[in-house]
Amino acid sequence: MKMVLVKNFPNRLLAEQARESLELEDIPSLVQASDTGIVGLGSIGLAEGVDLYVSEECAVRASEILQTVFDGI
C-alpha cells in the first residue's frame, strides 16, 4: 500500500487531531515528524511541520475531510 502526503500541519497536536478525524471515517493514517511526539513537544510548531499520510486509495476522501475540518490550517 502506497502512502501519500495529504496535509502538513504546524504541530503534532493538530496532526493527531486530524488523524483521529480520519479514523472516525475509517481512513487509516500516519503522522510523521521530527519532533519528540505528543508527550514531548506536541503543541510547539516545527519549522518543517508535521506530515499526515494516508493510503493512495483514500487520499481524495481524506483531503475533502481535512479541508472541511481543518480549513486554513
C-alpha atoms as a PDB file:
ATOM      1  CA  MET A   1       0.000   0.000   0.000  1.00  0.00           C
ATOM      2  CA  LYS A   2       1.481   3.313  -1.095  1.00  0.00           C
ATOM      3  CA  MET A   3       1.134   6.171   1.406  1.00  0.00           C
ATOM      4  CA  VAL A   4       0.801   9.753   0.168  1.00  0.00           C
ATOM      5  CA  LEU A   5       1.062  13.094   1.943  1.00  0.00           C
ATOM      6  CA  VAL A   6      -2.352  14.743   2.323  1.00  0.00           C
ATOM      7  CA  LYS A   7      -1.529  17.668   4.613  1.00  0.00           C
ATOM      8  CA  ASN A   8       1.272  19.302   6.567  1.00  0.00           C
ATOM      9  CA  PHE A   9       0.373  20.754   9.978  1.00  0.00           C
ATOM     10  CA  PRO A  10       2.301  23.311  12.060  1.00  0.00           C
ATOM     11  CA  ASN A  11       2.441  20.967  15.090  1.00  0.00           C
ATOM     12  CA  ARG A  12       1.837  17.376  16.183  1.00  0.00           C
ATOM     13  CA  LEU A  13      -1.274  18.206  18.225  1.00  0.00           C
ATOM     14  CA  LEU A  14      -3.181  19.382  15.143  1.00  0.00           C
ATOM     15  CA  ALA A  15      -1.864  16.479  13.072  1.00  0.00           C
ATOM     16  CA  GLU A  16      -3.045  13.973  15.693  1.00  0.00           C
ATOM     17  CA  GLN A  17      -6.477  15.630  15.816  1.00  0.00           C
ATOM     18  CA  ALA A  18      -6.676  15.317  12.036  1.00  0.00           C
ATOM     19  CA  ARG A  19      -5.599  11.671  12.240  1.00  0.00           C
ATOM     20  CA  GLU A  20      -8.402  10.996  14.711  1.00  0.00           C
ATOM     21  CA  SER A  21     -10.918  12.752  12.435  1.00  0.00           C
ATOM     22  CA  LEU A  22      -9.889  10.499   9.566  1.00  0.00           C
ATOM     23  CA  GLU A  23     -10.047   7.374  11.701  1.00  0.00           C
ATOM     24  CA  LEU A  24     -13.650   8.225  12.614  1.00  0.00           C
ATOM     25  CA  GLU A  25     -14.317   7.975   8.869  1.00  0.00           C
ATOM     26  CA  ASP A  26     -12.469   4.622   8.676  1.00  0.00           C
ATOM     27  CA  ILE A  27      -9.471   6.162   6.934  1.00  0.00           C
ATOM     28  CA  PRO A  28      -6.226   4.926   8.478  1.00  0.00           C
ATOM     29  CA  SER A  29      -3.443   7.474   8.542  1.00  0.00           C
ATOM     30  CA  LEU A  30       0.113   8.015   9.681  1.00  0.00           C
ATOM     31  CA  VAL A  31       1.635  11.075  11.358  1.00  0.00           C
ATOM     32  CA  GLN A  32       5.319  11.701  10.713  1.00  0.00           C
ATOM     33  CA  ALA A  33       7.568  14.430  12.125  1.00  0.00           C
ATOM     34  CA  SER A  34      10.998  15.018  13.576  1.00  0.00           C
ATOM     35  CA  ASP A  35       9.664  16.135  16.991  1.00  0.00           C
ATOM     36  CA  THR A  36       9.601  14.040  20.160  1.00  0.00           C
ATOM     37  CA  GLY A  37       5.913  13.150  19.937  1.00  0.00           C
ATOM     38  CA  ILE A  38       2.686  14.071  21.663  1.00  0.00           C
ATOM     39  CA  VAL A  39       4.190  13.620  25.141  1.00  0.00           C
ATOM     40  CA  GLY A  40       7.115  15.900  24.375  1.00  0.00           C
ATOM     41  CA  LEU A  41       6.853  18.962  22.190  1.00  0.00           C
ATOM     42  CA  GLY A  42       3.428  18.193  20.725  1.00  0.00           C
ATOM     43  CA  SER A  43       1.965  21.687  20.685  1.00  0.00           C
ATOM     44  CA  ILE A  44       5.109  23.559  19.655  1.00  0.00           C
ATOM     45  CA  GLY A  45       5.279  24.461  15.985  1.00  0.00           C
ATOM     46  CA  LEU A  46       8.024  22.891  13.932  1.00  0.00           C
ATOM     47  CA  ALA A  47       9.782  24.650  11.079  1.00  0.00           C
ATOM     48  CA  GLU A  48       9.161  21.721   8.716  1.00  0.00           C
ATOM     49  CA  GLY A  49       5.747  20.924  10.203  1.00  0.00           C
ATOM     50  CA  VAL A  50       4.135  17.550  10.806  1.00  0.00           C
ATOM     51  CA  ASP A  51       3.027  15.428   7.864  1.00  0.00           C
ATOM     52  CA  LEU A  52      -0.152  13.363   7.667  1.00  0.00           C
ATOM     53  CA  TYR A  53      -0.174  10.424   5.257  1.00  0.00           C
ATOM     54  CA  VAL A  54      -2.971   8.153   4.032  1.00  0.00           C
ATOM     55  CA  SER A  55      -3.116   5.352   1.501  1.00  0.00           C
ATOM     56  CA  GLU A  56      -3.241   6.478  -2.098  1.00  0.00           C
ATOM     57  CA  GLU A  57      -6.744   4.971  -2.408  1.00  0.00           C
ATOM     58  CA  CYS A  58      -8.073   7.172   0.421  1.00  0.00           C
ATOM     59  CA  ALA A  59      -6.273  10.406  -0.485  1.00  0.00           C
ATOM     60  CA  VAL A  60      -9.140  12.216  -2.217  1.00  0.00           C
ATOM     61  CA  ARG A  61     -11.679  11.496   0.540  1.00  0.00           C
ATOM     62  CA  ALA A  62      -9.138  12.332   3.267  1.00  0.00           C
ATOM     63  CA  SER A  63      -8.315  15.647   1.590  1.00  0.00           C
ATOM     64  CA  GLU A  64     -12.012  16.525   1.441  1.00  0.00           C
ATOM     65  CA  ILE A  65     -12.470  15.771   5.149  1.00  0.00           C
ATOM     66  CA  LEU A  66      -9.363  17.719   6.141  1.00  0.00           C
ATOM     67  CA  GLN A  67     -10.416  20.673   4.012  1.00  0.00           C
ATOM     68  CA  THR A  68     -13.777  20.767   5.788  1.00  0.00           C
ATOM     69  CA  VAL A  69     -12.457  20.298   9.325  1.00  0.00           C
ATOM     70  CA  PHE A  70      -9.047  21.988   9.149  1.00  0.00           C
ATOM     71  CA  ASP A  71      -9.559  24.674   6.511  1.00  0.00           C
ATOM     72  CA  GLY A  72      -6.962  27.404   6.833  1.00  0.00           C
ATOM     73  CA  ILE A  73      -4.547  25.418   8.997  1.00  0.00           C
END
